[in-house]
Amino acid sequence: MKDFSVRYPFYQPALMLVICLLLSGCSLWQRPVTTAQPLAANEREQRIMALQQFKLQATLGIKAPDDSISGNLHWQQLNSTDYQAQLRNAIGISLFELSHSSNGSAIKIRGETYTAVDSSSLLLQLAGWSIPLHDMPLWLRGLPGNKGRDIVRDEFGRVTSFTLTDSTGIVWQLRYQSFFPDALALPKLLLLSSSDTQIKLVIRNWQ
């Protein structure tokens, strides 16, 4: 066996250098995560407005005065106004199913189906909490619509917050905490708050 410490003293620092490089190899060779620059504000909003059909999966958490709910939200936008949605808890039990079309709104909750003209009012009546459902196809995509006011945008022109009064008369503050790192920069983390309800929506993916 060769004695490197005696016959090849110059190998020791070289060997230590190689070991250090191997140990730190992950950080040295790891490529940085690339983030696409969002489109110009006008072009971006036009393309998002044109997105009339989409699906998303998200985690939804609701804190209301008399209830606290968390689950997985599946939303399917069929056209500019019609949609279907389902909220399931962590073990897959359906908390409610919602559909809206030109014929009105229907909510299935606790095995019973109820219909009404306005979905937010119906949900408030049945569950004791509400969410601005009528404008949800817009604000899910980061669009305040005609009812949005006190609109705040970031340096890329993305809406980061606005105020909305829903069909029940409840005033909501919507805040966009993060966006997906692509050209459309669709919302990823949304916070909604009213005088007595807090809602957190974390979108996992868009389709």
N, C-alpha and C. Protein backbone atom coordinates (compact mmCIF):
# COMPACT_ATOMS: atom_id res chain seq x y z
N MET A 1 0.85 -1.21 0.00
CA MET A 1 0.00 0.00 0.00
C MET A 1 0.88 1.25 0.00
N LYS A 2 0.54 2.18 -0.82
CA LYS A 2 1.34 3.40 -0.93
C LYS A 2 1.00 4.37 0.20
N ASP A 3 2.02 5.01 0.72
CA ASP A 3 1.84 6.00 1.79
C ASP A 3 1.80 7.38 1.14
N PHE A 4 0.61 7.88 0.90
CA PHE A 4 0.44 9.17 0.20
C PHE A 4 0.95 10.33 1.04
N SER A 5 0.91 10.17 2.37
CA SER A 5 1.35 11.27 3.23
C SER A 5 2.86 11.47 3.16
N VAL A 6 3.59 10.43 2.73
CA VAL A 6 5.05 10.54 2.70
C VAL A 6 5.54 10.76 1.28
N ARG A 7 5.15 9.83 0.36
CA ARG A 7 5.72 9.85 -0.98
C ARG A 7 5.00 10.83 -1.91
N TYR A 8 3.68 11.10 -1.62
CA TYR A 8 2.93 11.98 -2.50
C TYR A 8 2.21 13.05 -1.68
N PRO A 9 2.97 13.91 -1.04
CA PRO A 9 2.34 14.89 -0.14
C PRO A 9 1.42 15.85 -0.88
N PHE A 10 1.70 16.05 -2.18
CA PHE A 10 0.86 17.01 -2.92
C PHE A 10 -0.54 16.46 -3.18
N TYR A 11 -0.77 15.13 -2.96
CA TYR A 11 -2.09 14.57 -3.20
C TYR A 11 -3.09 14.94 -2.11
N GLN A 12 -2.60 15.19 -0.90
CA GLN A 12 -3.51 15.44 0.21
C GLN A 12 -4.42 16.66 -0.02
N PRO A 13 -3.87 17.83 -0.31
CA PRO A 13 -4.77 18.96 -0.54
C PRO A 13 -5.65 18.74 -1.76
N ALA A 14 -5.08 18.06 -2.79
CA ALA A 14 -5.90 17.80 -3.99
C ALA A 14 -7.05 16.86 -3.65
N LEU A 15 -6.75 15.82 -2.82
CA LEU A 15 -7.79 14.89 -2.43
C LEU A 15 -8.87 15.56 -1.60
N MET A 16 -8.48 16.43 -0.69
CA MET A 16 -9.45 17.16 0.12
C MET A 16 -10.32 18.05 -0.75
N LEU A 17 -9.71 18.65 -1.78
CA LEU A 17 -10.47 19.51 -2.68
C LEU A 17 -11.53 18.71 -3.43
N VAL A 18 -11.12 17.51 -3.90
CA VAL A 18 -12.07 16.65 -4.62
C VAL A 18 -13.23 16.25 -3.72
N ILE A 19 -12.93 15.89 -2.46
CA ILE A 19 -13.99 15.51 -1.51
C ILE A 19 -14.95 16.65 -1.28
N CYS A 20 -14.42 17.86 -1.10
CA CYS A 20 -15.27 19.03 -0.87
C CYS A 20 -16.17 19.29 -2.08
N LEU A 21 -15.59 19.13 -3.27
CA LEU A 21 -16.38 19.36 -4.47
C LEU A 21 -17.49 18.33 -4.61
N LEU A 22 -17.17 17.06 -4.25
CA LEU A 22 -18.19 16.03 -4.32
C LEU A 22 -19.32 16.28 -3.33
N LEU A 23 -18.95 16.69 -2.12
CA LEU A 23 -19.96 16.95 -1.09
C LEU A 23 -20.85 18.12 -1.45
N SER A 24 -20.28 19.10 -2.12
CA SER A 24 -21.06 20.29 -2.49
C SER A 24 -21.54 20.23 -3.93
N GLY A 25 -21.42 19.05 -4.54
CA GLY A 25 -21.74 18.92 -5.95
C GLY A 25 -23.17 19.29 -6.28
N CYS A 26 -24.10 18.91 -5.40
CA CYS A 26 -25.51 19.21 -5.67
C CYS A 26 -25.74 20.69 -5.84
N SER A 27 -25.15 21.49 -4.93
CA SER A 27 -25.36 22.93 -5.01
C SER A 27 -24.60 23.54 -6.16
N LEU A 28 -23.41 22.94 -6.52
CA LEU A 28 -22.62 23.51 -7.60
C LEU A 28 -23.25 23.25 -8.95
N TRP A 29 -23.87 22.07 -9.11
CA TRP A 29 -24.40 21.69 -10.42
C TRP A 29 -25.89 21.91 -10.54
N GLN A 30 -26.54 22.34 -9.49
CA GLN A 30 -27.98 22.55 -9.54
C GLN A 30 -28.30 23.81 -10.34
N ARG A 31 -29.14 23.63 -11.35
CA ARG A 31 -29.52 24.77 -12.18
C ARG A 31 -30.57 25.62 -11.49
N PRO A 32 -30.50 26.91 -11.62
CA PRO A 32 -31.53 27.76 -11.00
C PRO A 32 -32.88 27.57 -11.68
N VAL A 33 -33.94 27.71 -10.89
CA VAL A 33 -35.29 27.60 -11.43
C VAL A 33 -35.59 28.81 -12.29
N THR A 34 -35.97 28.56 -13.53
CA THR A 34 -36.25 29.67 -14.44
C THR A 34 -37.70 30.09 -14.32
N THR A 35 -37.92 31.38 -14.34
CA THR A 35 -39.25 31.94 -14.25
C THR A 35 -39.50 32.78 -15.50
N ALA A 36 -40.58 32.46 -16.20
CA ALA A 36 -40.89 33.21 -17.41
C ALA A 36 -41.39 34.61 -17.04
N GLN A 37 -40.99 35.56 -17.84
CA GLN A 37 -41.45 36.93 -17.62
C GLN A 37 -42.92 37.02 -17.99
N PRO A 38 -43.77 37.56 -17.10
CA PRO A 38 -45.19 37.71 -17.46
C PRO A 38 -45.35 38.58 -18.70
N LEU A 39 -46.38 38.29 -19.46
CA LEU A 39 -46.68 39.10 -20.63
C LEU A 39 -47.01 40.53 -20.21
N ALA A 40 -46.96 41.44 -21.16
CA ALA A 40 -47.39 42.81 -20.90
C ALA A 40 -48.84 42.79 -20.40
N ALA A 41 -49.17 43.71 -19.51
CA ALA A 41 -50.45 43.68 -18.79
C ALA A 41 -51.65 43.53 -19.71
N ASN A 42 -51.72 44.34 -20.78
CA ASN A 42 -52.88 44.30 -21.66
C ASN A 42 -52.99 42.96 -22.39
N GLU A 43 -51.87 42.49 -22.93
CA GLU A 43 -51.88 41.22 -23.65
C GLU A 43 -52.20 40.06 -22.70
N ARG A 44 -51.64 40.12 -21.51
CA ARG A 44 -51.88 39.05 -20.54
C ARG A 44 -53.36 38.97 -20.18
N GLU A 45 -53.99 40.10 -19.88
CA GLU A 45 -55.40 40.09 -19.49
C GLU A 45 -56.29 39.67 -20.65
N GLN A 46 -55.94 40.06 -21.87
CA GLN A 46 -56.73 39.63 -23.03
C GLN A 46 -56.68 38.12 -23.20
N ARG A 47 -55.50 37.54 -23.00
CA ARG A 47 -55.38 36.09 -23.14
C ARG A 47 -56.09 35.36 -22.01
N ILE A 48 -56.05 35.93 -20.80
CA ILE A 48 -56.75 35.30 -19.69
C ILE A 48 -58.26 35.42 -19.87
N MET A 49 -58.73 36.55 -20.36
CA MET A 49 -60.16 36.71 -20.63
C MET A 49 -60.63 35.70 -21.68
N ALA A 50 -59.76 35.40 -22.64
CA ALA A 50 -60.12 34.44 -23.69
C ALA A 50 -60.14 33.00 -23.17
N LEU A 51 -59.65 32.80 -21.96
CA LEU A 51 -59.62 31.47 -21.36
C LEU A 51 -61.00 31.17 -20.76
N GLN A 52 -61.91 30.72 -21.61
CA GLN A 52 -63.30 30.53 -21.20
C GLN A 52 -63.56 29.13 -20.64
N GLN A 53 -62.74 28.18 -20.99
CA GLN A 53 -62.89 26.81 -20.48
C GLN A 53 -61.59 26.41 -19.79
N PHE A 54 -61.71 25.98 -18.54
CA PHE A 54 -60.53 25.55 -17.81
C PHE A 54 -60.94 24.68 -16.63
N LYS A 55 -59.96 23.99 -16.10
CA LYS A 55 -60.13 23.20 -14.88
C LYS A 55 -59.02 23.57 -13.91
N LEU A 56 -59.31 23.49 -12.64
CA LEU A 56 -58.26 23.69 -11.64
C LEU A 56 -58.54 22.82 -10.43
N GLN A 57 -57.47 22.49 -9.73
CA GLN A 57 -57.54 21.77 -8.47
C GLN A 57 -56.86 22.63 -7.41
N ALA A 58 -57.47 22.73 -6.26
CA ALA A 58 -56.95 23.62 -5.23
C ALA A 58 -57.28 23.09 -3.85
N THR A 59 -56.55 23.60 -2.87
CA THR A 59 -56.85 23.37 -1.47
C THR A 59 -57.59 24.59 -0.94
N LEU A 60 -58.72 24.37 -0.32
CA LEU A 60 -59.56 25.47 0.16
C LEU A 60 -59.73 25.38 1.66
N GLY A 61 -59.46 26.47 2.35
CA GLY A 61 -59.67 26.55 3.79
C GLY A 61 -60.58 27.70 4.13
N ILE A 62 -61.58 27.46 4.95
CA ILE A 62 -62.58 28.48 5.30
C ILE A 62 -62.70 28.56 6.81
N LYS A 63 -62.60 29.77 7.34
CA LYS A 63 -62.85 30.03 8.75
C LYS A 63 -64.02 31.00 8.87
N ALA A 64 -65.15 30.48 9.30
CA ALA A 64 -66.36 31.27 9.47
C ALA A 64 -66.70 31.34 10.96
N PRO A 65 -67.62 32.22 11.37
CA PRO A 65 -67.93 32.35 12.80
C PRO A 65 -68.34 31.04 13.47
N ASP A 66 -69.12 30.21 12.77
CA ASP A 66 -69.63 29.00 13.39
C ASP A 66 -69.09 27.73 12.76
N ASP A 67 -68.07 27.85 11.91
CA ASP A 67 -67.59 26.66 11.23
C ASP A 67 -66.16 26.87 10.74
N SER A 68 -65.46 25.78 10.56
CA SER A 68 -64.12 25.79 9.99
C SER A 68 -64.02 24.60 9.06
N ILE A 69 -63.71 24.86 7.79
CA ILE A 69 -63.76 23.83 6.77
C ILE A 69 -62.48 23.85 5.96
N SER A 70 -61.99 22.67 5.61
CA SER A 70 -60.86 22.57 4.69
C SER A 70 -61.09 21.37 3.79
N GLY A 71 -60.64 21.48 2.57
CA GLY A 71 -60.84 20.39 1.63
C GLY A 71 -60.20 20.67 0.30
N ASN A 72 -60.45 19.78 -0.64
CA ASN A 72 -59.91 19.89 -1.99
C ASN A 72 -61.01 20.33 -2.94
N LEU A 73 -60.74 21.41 -3.64
CA LEU A 73 -61.71 21.98 -4.56
C LEU A 73 -61.37 21.59 -5.99
N HIS A 74 -62.35 21.09 -6.70
CA HIS A 74 -62.23 20.80 -8.13
C HIS A 74 -63.21 21.73 -8.85
N TRP A 75 -62.68 22.58 -9.71
CA TRP A 75 -63.51 23.56 -10.42
C TRP A 75 -63.38 23.33 -11.92
N GLN A 76 -64.52 23.25 -12.62
CA GLN A 76 -64.52 23.12 -14.07
C GLN A 76 -65.36 24.24 -14.67
N GLN A 77 -64.70 25.10 -15.42
CA GLN A 77 -65.39 26.19 -16.10
C GLN A 77 -65.79 25.72 -17.48
N LEU A 78 -67.10 25.71 -17.75
CA LEU A 78 -67.61 25.16 -19.01
C LEU A 78 -67.65 26.21 -20.11
N ASN A 79 -67.96 27.45 -19.75
CA ASN A 79 -67.93 28.59 -20.67
C ASN A 79 -67.81 29.85 -19.84
N SER A 80 -68.15 31.00 -20.39
CA SER A 80 -67.94 32.25 -19.67
C SER A 80 -68.74 32.35 -18.38
N THR A 81 -69.87 31.64 -18.30
CA THR A 81 -70.74 31.76 -17.12
C THR A 81 -71.02 30.44 -16.41
N ASP A 82 -71.02 29.33 -17.12
CA ASP A 82 -71.42 28.05 -16.55
C ASP A 82 -70.23 27.31 -15.96
N TYR A 83 -70.45 26.69 -14.79
CA TYR A 83 -69.37 25.95 -14.15
C TYR A 83 -69.93 24.84 -13.27
N GLN A 84 -69.05 23.92 -12.90
CA GLN A 84 -69.34 22.87 -11.96
C GLN A 84 -68.20 22.82 -10.95
N ALA A 85 -68.52 22.58 -9.69
CA ALA A 85 -67.48 22.55 -8.66
C ALA A 85 -67.84 21.52 -7.60
N GLN A 86 -66.81 21.01 -6.98
CA GLN A 86 -66.99 20.04 -5.90
C GLN A 86 -65.92 20.26 -4.84
N LEU A 87 -66.33 20.24 -3.59
CA LEU A 87 -65.41 20.35 -2.46
C LEU A 87 -65.47 19.07 -1.66
N ARG A 88 -64.30 18.42 -1.52
CA ARG A 88 -64.21 17.18 -0.74
C ARG A 88 -63.25 17.38 0.42
N ASN A 89 -63.51 16.69 1.52
CA ASN A 89 -62.61 16.79 2.67
C ASN A 89 -61.39 15.90 2.46
N ALA A 90 -60.54 15.83 3.47
CA ALA A 90 -59.26 15.13 3.34
C ALA A 90 -59.42 13.64 3.06
N ILE A 91 -60.52 13.04 3.48
CA ILE A 91 -60.73 11.61 3.26
C ILE A 91 -61.65 11.34 2.07
N GLY A 92 -61.94 12.38 1.29
CA GLY A 92 -62.67 12.20 0.04
C GLY A 92 -64.18 12.32 0.13
N ILE A 93 -64.71 12.68 1.29
CA ILE A 93 -66.15 12.82 1.42
C ILE A 93 -66.59 14.17 0.85
N SER A 94 -67.63 14.16 0.03
CA SER A 94 -68.10 15.39 -0.60
C SER A 94 -68.76 16.31 0.43
N LEU A 95 -68.28 17.54 0.50
CA LEU A 95 -68.88 18.54 1.39
C LEU A 95 -70.00 19.28 0.68
N PHE A 96 -69.78 19.60 -0.59
CA PHE A 96 -70.87 20.11 -1.43
C PHE A 96 -70.48 19.99 -2.90
N GLU A 97 -71.51 19.92 -3.74
CA GLU A 97 -71.35 19.97 -5.17
C GLU A 97 -72.17 21.14 -5.69
N LEU A 98 -71.60 21.86 -6.60
CA LEU A 98 -72.21 23.10 -7.07
C LEU A 98 -72.21 23.11 -8.58
N SER A 99 -73.31 23.57 -9.17
CA SER A 99 -73.37 23.77 -10.60
C SER A 99 -74.15 25.05 -10.89
N HIS A 100 -73.74 25.72 -11.96
CA HIS A 100 -74.41 26.96 -12.34
C HIS A 100 -74.52 27.01 -13.86
N SER A 101 -75.70 27.39 -14.34
CA SER A 101 -75.94 27.55 -15.77
C SER A 101 -76.99 28.64 -15.96
N SER A 102 -77.40 28.84 -17.20
CA SER A 102 -78.42 29.85 -17.49
C SER A 102 -79.75 29.52 -16.83
N ASN A 103 -79.94 28.28 -16.42
CA ASN A 103 -81.18 27.86 -15.75
C ASN A 103 -81.17 28.13 -14.26
N GLY A 104 -80.01 28.54 -13.72
CA GLY A 104 -79.91 28.82 -12.30
C GLY A 104 -78.80 28.02 -11.64
N SER A 105 -78.82 27.98 -10.33
CA SER A 105 -77.78 27.30 -9.55
C SER A 105 -78.36 26.14 -8.78
N ALA A 106 -77.53 25.12 -8.59
CA ALA A 106 -77.93 23.97 -7.79
C ALA A 106 -76.77 23.60 -6.88
N ILE A 107 -77.10 23.29 -5.63
CA ILE A 107 -76.10 22.85 -4.66
C ILE A 107 -76.56 21.55 -4.03
N LYS A 108 -75.67 20.55 -4.04
CA LYS A 108 -75.94 19.29 -3.36
C LYS A 108 -75.13 19.27 -2.09
N ILE A 109 -75.80 19.22 -0.96
CA ILE A 109 -75.13 19.25 0.33
C ILE A 109 -75.86 18.31 1.28
N ARG A 110 -75.09 17.49 1.97
CA ARG A 110 -75.64 16.48 2.89
C ARG A 110 -76.68 15.59 2.19
N GLY A 111 -76.40 15.26 0.94
CA GLY A 111 -77.25 14.33 0.20
C GLY A 111 -78.50 14.94 -0.40
N GLU A 112 -78.75 16.22 -0.15
CA GLU A 112 -79.93 16.89 -0.68
C GLU A 112 -79.53 17.93 -1.72
N THR A 113 -80.32 18.09 -2.75
CA THR A 113 -80.05 19.06 -3.81
C THR A 113 -81.03 20.22 -3.71
N TYR A 114 -80.47 21.43 -3.73
CA TYR A 114 -81.27 22.65 -3.63
C TYR A 114 -80.97 23.53 -4.84
N THR A 115 -81.98 24.25 -5.28
CA THR A 115 -81.81 25.13 -6.44
C THR A 115 -82.20 26.56 -6.08
N ALA A 116 -81.61 27.49 -6.79
CA ALA A 116 -81.91 28.92 -6.58
C ALA A 116 -81.36 29.70 -7.76
N VAL A 117 -81.75 30.97 -7.84
CA VAL A 117 -81.25 31.83 -8.90
C VAL A 117 -79.82 32.26 -8.59
N ASP A 118 -79.54 32.53 -7.31
CA ASP A 118 -78.22 33.02 -6.92
C ASP A 118 -77.52 31.99 -6.05
N SER A 119 -76.32 31.56 -6.46
CA SER A 119 -75.61 30.49 -5.76
C SER A 119 -75.03 30.95 -4.43
N SER A 120 -74.55 32.19 -4.35
CA SER A 120 -73.97 32.68 -3.10
C SER A 120 -75.01 32.76 -1.99
N SER A 121 -76.20 33.26 -2.33
CA SER A 121 -77.27 33.34 -1.34
C SER A 121 -77.70 31.95 -0.89
N LEU A 122 -77.75 31.02 -1.84
CA LEU A 122 -78.13 29.66 -1.51
C LEU A 122 -77.11 29.01 -0.59
N LEU A 123 -75.83 29.19 -0.89
CA LEU A 123 -74.79 28.61 -0.04
C LEU A 123 -74.82 29.22 1.36
N LEU A 124 -75.03 30.53 1.45
CA LEU A 124 -75.11 31.20 2.75
C LEU A 124 -76.27 30.65 3.57
N GLN A 125 -77.38 30.41 2.92
CA GLN A 125 -78.56 29.90 3.61
C GLN A 125 -78.35 28.47 4.10
N LEU A 126 -77.68 27.65 3.29
CA LEU A 126 -77.53 26.23 3.62
C LEU A 126 -76.37 25.95 4.56
N ALA A 127 -75.24 26.65 4.32
CA ALA A 127 -74.01 26.33 5.06
C ALA A 127 -73.68 27.32 6.16
N GLY A 128 -74.27 28.50 6.12
CA GLY A 128 -73.97 29.51 7.14
C GLY A 128 -72.75 30.34 6.80
N TRP A 129 -72.10 30.09 5.69
CA TRP A 129 -70.99 30.89 5.20
C TRP A 129 -71.14 31.03 3.68
N SER A 130 -70.44 31.97 3.12
CA SER A 130 -70.59 32.20 1.69
C SER A 130 -69.24 32.50 1.07
N ILE A 131 -69.26 32.64 -0.25
CA ILE A 131 -68.09 32.98 -1.04
C ILE A 131 -68.63 33.68 -2.29
N PRO A 132 -67.94 34.66 -2.83
CA PRO A 132 -68.48 35.38 -4.00
C PRO A 132 -68.47 34.52 -5.25
N LEU A 133 -69.46 33.63 -5.35
CA LEU A 133 -69.50 32.65 -6.42
C LEU A 133 -69.83 33.25 -7.78
N HIS A 134 -70.68 34.27 -7.79
CA HIS A 134 -71.11 34.83 -9.07
C HIS A 134 -69.93 35.34 -9.88
N ASP A 135 -68.95 35.92 -9.21
CA ASP A 135 -67.78 36.48 -9.89
C ASP A 135 -66.56 35.56 -9.80
N MET A 136 -66.75 34.36 -9.28
CA MET A 136 -65.62 33.47 -9.06
C MET A 136 -64.89 33.09 -10.35
N PRO A 137 -65.58 32.87 -11.48
CA PRO A 137 -64.85 32.58 -12.71
C PRO A 137 -63.88 33.69 -13.10
N LEU A 138 -64.15 34.92 -12.69
CA LEU A 138 -63.26 36.03 -12.99
C LEU A 138 -62.11 36.10 -11.99
N TRP A 139 -62.43 36.17 -10.69
CA TRP A 139 -61.36 36.39 -9.72
C TRP A 139 -60.46 35.17 -9.54
N LEU A 140 -60.94 33.98 -9.91
CA LEU A 140 -60.04 32.83 -9.91
C LEU A 140 -58.87 33.05 -10.86
N ARG A 141 -59.14 33.75 -11.97
CA ARG A 141 -58.11 34.02 -12.98
C ARG A 141 -57.35 35.31 -12.72
N GLY A 142 -57.66 35.97 -11.62
CA GLY A 142 -56.96 37.21 -11.29
C GLY A 142 -57.56 38.44 -11.94
N LEU A 143 -58.84 38.36 -12.33
CA LEU A 143 -59.52 39.47 -12.99
C LEU A 143 -60.56 40.06 -12.04
N PRO A 144 -60.51 41.35 -11.77
CA PRO A 144 -61.47 41.96 -10.84
C PRO A 144 -62.86 42.17 -11.45
N GLY A 145 -62.96 42.19 -12.78
CA GLY A 145 -64.25 42.41 -13.42
C GLY A 145 -64.77 43.83 -13.22
N ASN A 146 -66.00 44.05 -13.62
CA ASN A 146 -66.58 45.39 -13.52
C ASN A 146 -66.93 45.78 -12.09
N LYS A 147 -67.10 44.79 -11.22
CA LYS A 147 -67.50 45.08 -9.84
C LYS A 147 -66.30 45.34 -8.92
N GLY A 148 -65.11 45.02 -9.37
CA GLY A 148 -63.93 45.22 -8.53
C GLY A 148 -63.58 46.69 -8.38
N ARG A 149 -63.17 47.07 -7.20
CA ARG A 149 -62.77 48.47 -6.94
C ARG A 149 -61.54 48.47 -6.03
N ASP A 150 -60.94 49.63 -5.89
CA ASP A 150 -59.70 49.76 -5.11
C ASP A 150 -58.66 48.75 -5.60
N ILE A 151 -58.49 48.69 -6.91
CA ILE A 151 -57.62 47.69 -7.52
C ILE A 151 -56.15 48.10 -7.37
N VAL A 152 -55.32 47.17 -6.91
CA VAL A 152 -53.88 47.39 -6.77
C VAL A 152 -53.16 46.40 -7.69
N ARG A 153 -52.15 46.90 -8.41
CA ARG A 153 -51.38 46.06 -9.32
C ARG A 153 -49.90 46.13 -8.95
N ASP A 154 -49.16 45.09 -9.35
CA ASP A 154 -47.73 45.09 -9.11
C ASP A 154 -46.99 45.64 -10.32
N GLU A 155 -45.66 45.53 -10.32
CA GLU A 155 -44.86 46.12 -11.39
C GLU A 155 -45.08 45.45 -12.74
N PHE A 156 -45.66 44.24 -12.75
CA PHE A 156 -45.95 43.54 -14.00
C PHE A 156 -47.38 43.78 -14.48
N GLY A 157 -48.14 44.57 -13.73
CA GLY A 157 -49.53 44.82 -14.09
C GLY A 157 -50.49 43.77 -13.58
N ARG A 158 -50.01 42.82 -12.78
CA ARG A 158 -50.88 41.79 -12.22
C ARG A 158 -51.68 42.38 -11.05
N VAL A 159 -52.94 42.03 -10.97
CA VAL A 159 -53.77 42.47 -9.86
C VAL A 159 -53.32 41.75 -8.59
N THR A 160 -53.01 42.50 -7.57
CA THR A 160 -52.59 41.90 -6.29
C THR A 160 -53.66 42.03 -5.21
N SER A 161 -54.60 42.95 -5.38
CA SER A 161 -55.71 43.05 -4.43
C SER A 161 -56.82 43.92 -5.02
N PHE A 162 -58.02 43.66 -4.56
CA PHE A 162 -59.16 44.53 -4.89
C PHE A 162 -60.31 44.21 -3.95
N THR A 163 -61.32 45.06 -3.95
CA THR A 163 -62.50 44.90 -3.10
C THR A 163 -63.69 44.57 -3.98
N LEU A 164 -64.55 43.69 -3.48
CA LEU A 164 -65.71 43.22 -4.23
C LEU A 164 -66.90 43.07 -3.31
N THR A 165 -68.05 43.55 -3.74
CA THR A 165 -69.30 43.31 -3.02
C THR A 165 -70.08 42.25 -3.78
N ASP A 166 -70.36 41.12 -3.12
CA ASP A 166 -71.01 40.02 -3.84
C ASP A 166 -72.52 40.19 -3.86
N SER A 167 -73.20 39.19 -4.41
CA SER A 167 -74.65 39.28 -4.62
C SER A 167 -75.43 39.28 -3.31
N THR A 168 -74.80 38.88 -2.21
CA THR A 168 -75.48 38.88 -0.91
C THR A 168 -75.29 40.20 -0.16
N GLY A 169 -74.47 41.10 -0.72
CA GLY A 169 -74.17 42.35 -0.05
C GLY A 169 -72.93 42.30 0.82
N ILE A 170 -72.25 41.14 0.87
CA ILE A 170 -71.03 41.00 1.67
C ILE A 170 -69.86 41.64 0.93
N VAL A 171 -69.07 42.42 1.65
CA VAL A 171 -67.89 43.07 1.07
C VAL A 171 -66.67 42.18 1.31
N TRP A 172 -65.97 41.87 0.23
CA TRP A 172 -64.80 41.00 0.29
C TRP A 172 -63.55 41.75 -0.12
N GLN A 173 -62.46 41.46 0.58
CA GLN A 173 -61.13 41.92 0.18
C GLN A 173 -60.39 40.71 -0.38
N LEU A 174 -59.96 40.80 -1.64
CA LEU A 174 -59.24 39.71 -2.28
C LEU A 174 -57.78 40.10 -2.43
N ARG A 175 -56.89 39.20 -2.06
CA ARG A 175 -55.45 39.44 -2.16
C ARG A 175 -54.77 38.25 -2.83
N TYR A 176 -53.94 38.54 -3.80
CA TYR A 176 -53.21 37.51 -4.52
C TYR A 176 -51.77 37.50 -3.98
N GLN A 177 -51.43 36.40 -3.31
CA GLN A 177 -50.13 36.30 -2.65
C GLN A 177 -49.02 35.77 -3.56
N SER A 178 -49.38 34.92 -4.53
CA SER A 178 -48.37 34.40 -5.45
C SER A 178 -49.03 33.96 -6.75
N PHE A 179 -48.18 33.82 -7.79
CA PHE A 179 -48.64 33.47 -9.12
C PHE A 179 -47.79 32.34 -9.67
N PHE A 180 -48.31 31.64 -10.66
CA PHE A 180 -47.52 30.61 -11.33
C PHE A 180 -46.46 31.27 -12.19
N PRO A 181 -45.25 30.67 -12.24
CA PRO A 181 -44.11 31.31 -12.91
C PRO A 181 -44.09 31.10 -14.42
N ASP A 182 -45.16 31.52 -15.09
CA ASP A 182 -45.18 31.42 -16.55
C ASP A 182 -45.67 32.74 -17.13
N ALA A 183 -45.83 32.79 -18.45
CA ALA A 183 -46.17 34.05 -19.11
C ALA A 183 -47.54 34.58 -18.70
N LEU A 184 -48.51 33.67 -18.46
CA LEU A 184 -49.85 34.13 -18.06
C LEU A 184 -49.89 34.50 -16.58
N ALA A 185 -49.02 33.91 -15.78
CA ALA A 185 -48.95 34.21 -14.34
C ALA A 185 -50.32 34.13 -13.68
N LEU A 186 -50.98 32.99 -13.88
CA LEU A 186 -52.28 32.78 -13.24
C LEU A 186 -52.09 32.67 -11.72
N PRO A 187 -53.12 33.04 -10.96
CA PRO A 187 -52.99 33.02 -9.49
C PRO A 187 -52.68 31.64 -8.94
N LYS A 188 -51.91 31.63 -7.87
CA LYS A 188 -51.56 30.40 -7.17
C LYS A 188 -52.06 30.40 -5.73
N LEU A 189 -51.90 31.52 -5.04
CA LEU A 189 -52.36 31.64 -3.65
C LEU A 189 -53.23 32.88 -3.52
N LEU A 190 -54.48 32.66 -3.10
CA LEU A 190 -55.45 33.75 -2.94
C LEU A 190 -55.96 33.76 -1.51
N LEU A 191 -56.18 34.96 -0.99
CA LEU A 191 -56.78 35.15 0.32
C LEU A 191 -58.01 36.04 0.16
N LEU A 192 -59.12 35.60 0.73
CA LEU A 192 -60.36 36.38 0.72
C LEU A 192 -60.78 36.62 2.15
N SER A 193 -61.21 37.80 2.44
CA SER A 193 -61.66 38.10 3.80
C SER A 193 -62.85 39.05 3.77
N SER A 194 -63.81 38.76 4.63
CA SER A 194 -64.95 39.65 4.86
C SER A 194 -64.91 40.04 6.33
N SER A 195 -65.98 40.61 6.82
CA SER A 195 -65.99 41.05 8.21
C SER A 195 -65.91 39.88 9.19
N ASP A 196 -66.34 38.68 8.76
CA ASP A 196 -66.36 37.55 9.70
C ASP A 196 -65.86 36.23 9.10
N THR A 197 -65.39 36.24 7.87
CA THR A 197 -64.97 35.00 7.22
C THR A 197 -63.61 35.17 6.55
N GLN A 198 -62.76 34.16 6.72
CA GLN A 198 -61.44 34.15 6.08
C GLN A 198 -61.36 32.91 5.19
N ILE A 199 -60.92 33.10 3.94
CA ILE A 199 -60.82 32.00 2.99
C ILE A 199 -59.43 32.00 2.39
N LYS A 200 -58.80 30.83 2.38
CA LYS A 200 -57.49 30.66 1.75
C LYS A 200 -57.62 29.63 0.64
N LEU A 201 -57.15 30.01 -0.54
CA LEU A 201 -57.25 29.13 -1.71
C LEU A 201 -55.86 28.97 -2.31
N VAL A 202 -55.37 27.72 -2.30
CA VAL A 202 -54.05 27.41 -2.87
C VAL A 202 -54.30 26.54 -4.11
N ILE A 203 -54.08 27.10 -5.27
CA ILE A 203 -54.31 26.38 -6.52
C ILE A 203 -53.09 25.54 -6.84
N ARG A 204 -53.31 24.24 -7.01
CA ARG A 204 -52.21 23.32 -7.29
C ARG A 204 -51.89 23.26 -8.78
N ASN A 205 -52.91 23.27 -9.62
CA ASN A 205 -52.65 23.24 -11.05
C ASN A 205 -53.83 23.78 -11.84
N TRP A 206 -53.52 24.27 -13.02
CA TRP A 206 -54.50 24.73 -14.01
C TRP A 206 -54.45 23.80 -15.21
N GLN A 207 -55.61 23.57 -15.80
CA GLN A 207 -55.66 22.79 -17.04
C GLN A 207 -56.53 23.51 -18.08
